[in-house]
Amino acid sequence: MSNLSKLYRKMQNRSQKWRETNDCTVKALAIAAGKTYEQAHGALALRGRNYRKGTAMFNVFNALRDFGFTEKEVYRHSAIEKAENPYYWDCEKTQEIAKKMRRTRWAKGRTMKSIEPHLPKRGVYIIQTSSHVLCVRAGQIHDWTSQRRHRITHVHHITRAGVNRKE
């Protein structure tokens, strides 16, 4: 457990105090927004998250908007898979999206273990795997999955609302 970040350990301790489980979305939201565990827990509870249950990602993004943040999807693994399927070859939009996704740093590391050298040193990202959500902040993974082979399915860039950024 020594490779866990101090921020994640703090969230884990708060989670244990509440005897909470299946709260990866709460921890990712709290770390991404710079809020306490209790504030993130309350925001997701208002959005319909039940005690000891997971929640849908649209609830997390709505809670982020409530905190004054915006999200932009920067990587989606399914877009690349669709483009490699001959059935979708005639769709130019799918090919264009897949081409853009293949060029990103996220396509270089397909698992949590292999993405570490490619992480950006600045910015906040929420990463989804098939059944888990975590936060990357300033190039550091704030989660227990950092050395695991969990396959990355989606990556969302989190910014403050109203802040201009390079596209």
Foldseek 3Di string as FASTA:
>chain_A
DVQADPLLVQLVVVCVVVPAAQCQLLSQLCVQLVHHSVLSVVQLVVVPDDGNHHDDVVSSQVSLVVSQKHKDWQAAPVLLVLCVDPVCVVPVVSVVVNVSRCPALCVQAFFLQRSLVSFAQAFKKWWDFPRGIWIAHRSGTNDPCNNPGGTTGIMMTMDGPPDDDDD
